[in-house]
Protein backbone atom coordinates (compact mmCIF):
# COMPACT_ATOMS: atom_id res chain seq x y z
CA UNK A 1 -50.21 97.57 -143.65
CA UNK A 2 -52.34 95.95 -141.02
CA UNK A 3 -52.01 92.22 -140.66
CA UNK A 4 -55.14 90.23 -141.23
CA UNK A 5 -55.70 87.36 -138.90
CA UNK A 6 -57.25 84.21 -140.21
CA UNK A 7 -60.64 83.31 -138.80
CA UNK A 8 -60.40 80.64 -136.15
CA UNK A 9 -62.44 77.50 -136.31
CA UNK A 10 -65.29 77.39 -133.80
CA UNK A 11 -64.62 75.39 -130.66
CA UNK A 12 -66.45 72.15 -129.93
CA UNK A 13 -68.51 74.07 -127.34
CA UNK A 14 -69.49 76.72 -129.89
CA UNK A 15 -70.50 74.07 -132.43
CA UNK A 16 -72.59 72.21 -129.85
CA UNK A 17 -74.24 75.35 -128.49
CA UNK A 18 -75.06 76.48 -132.03
CA UNK A 19 -76.64 73.13 -132.90
CA UNK A 20 -78.78 73.13 -129.76
CA UNK A 21 -79.81 76.78 -130.20
CA UNK A 22 -80.93 76.05 -133.76
CA UNK A 23 -83.12 73.23 -132.41
CA UNK A 24 -84.59 75.48 -129.71
CA UNK A 25 -85.17 78.36 -132.14
CA UNK A 26 -86.80 76.22 -134.81
CA UNK A 27 -90.36 77.22 -135.71
CA UNK A 28 -91.78 73.91 -134.45
CA UNK A 29 -89.99 74.20 -131.10
CA UNK A 30 -91.08 77.81 -130.68
CA UNK A 31 -94.68 76.85 -131.41
CA UNK A 32 -94.75 73.96 -128.89
CA UNK A 33 -92.30 75.46 -126.35
CA UNK A 34 -90.40 72.17 -126.45
CA UNK A 35 -87.18 70.96 -128.05
CA UNK A 36 -85.64 67.50 -128.16
CA UNK A 37 -81.87 67.81 -127.95
CA UNK A 38 -80.10 64.58 -128.89
CA UNK A 39 -76.66 63.91 -127.50
CA UNK A 40 -74.47 62.73 -130.33
CA UNK A 41 -71.66 60.22 -129.75
CA UNK A 42 -68.96 62.77 -130.59
CA UNK A 43 -70.33 65.51 -128.28
CA UNK A 44 -67.76 66.43 -125.65
CA UNK A 45 -69.07 65.57 -122.18
CA UNK A 46 -67.82 68.80 -120.58
CA UNK A 47 -69.31 70.90 -123.39
CA UNK A 48 -72.65 69.06 -123.10
CA UNK A 49 -72.77 69.62 -119.33
CA UNK A 50 -71.81 73.30 -119.70
CA UNK A 51 -74.55 73.95 -122.27
CA UNK A 52 -77.19 72.19 -120.15
CA UNK A 53 -76.04 74.04 -117.01
CA UNK A 54 -76.51 77.31 -118.88
CA UNK A 55 -80.00 76.32 -119.99
CA UNK A 56 -80.92 75.20 -116.48
CA UNK A 57 -80.06 78.67 -115.14
CA UNK A 58 -82.70 80.28 -117.33
CA UNK A 59 -86.03 81.19 -115.74
CA UNK A 60 -89.06 79.14 -116.78
CA UNK A 61 -86.97 76.34 -118.36
CA UNK A 62 -87.34 72.67 -117.47
CA UNK A 63 -84.90 70.01 -118.64
CA UNK A 64 -85.96 66.35 -118.70
CA UNK A 65 -83.04 63.93 -119.03
CA UNK A 66 -83.51 60.78 -121.11
CA UNK A 67 -81.81 57.44 -120.53
CA UNK A 68 -79.76 57.80 -123.72
CA UNK A 69 -78.21 61.10 -122.55
CA UNK A 70 -80.44 63.28 -124.68
CA UNK A 71 -82.77 65.84 -123.14
CA UNK A 72 -86.15 67.41 -123.65
CA UNK A 73 -86.26 71.13 -122.94
CA UNK A 74 -89.56 72.81 -122.08
CA UNK A 75 -90.13 76.50 -121.42
CA UNK A 76 -92.89 78.91 -120.73
CA UNK A 77 -93.22 82.49 -121.86
CA UNK A 78 -94.68 84.84 -119.31
CA UNK A 79 -97.05 87.42 -120.68
CA UNK A 80 -96.67 91.05 -119.67
CA UNK A 81 -99.67 92.47 -117.81
């Protein structure tokens, strides 16, 4: 019989990335091409920086940092000719 492995709990990075992606993919954010991403007190600093670094590498994405550590993300969608 094959052994079944138990599912592992998502890492703090995976939880953070999932939360931010849900905000970015929300209908309101997709309509306005803007998402407010709040930084929560329990967000790991390294995870937060890694997620934002990944977003910053994307073409046509602008990140505006707020004084409280949260960010606004803006993007444009280029139309095909």
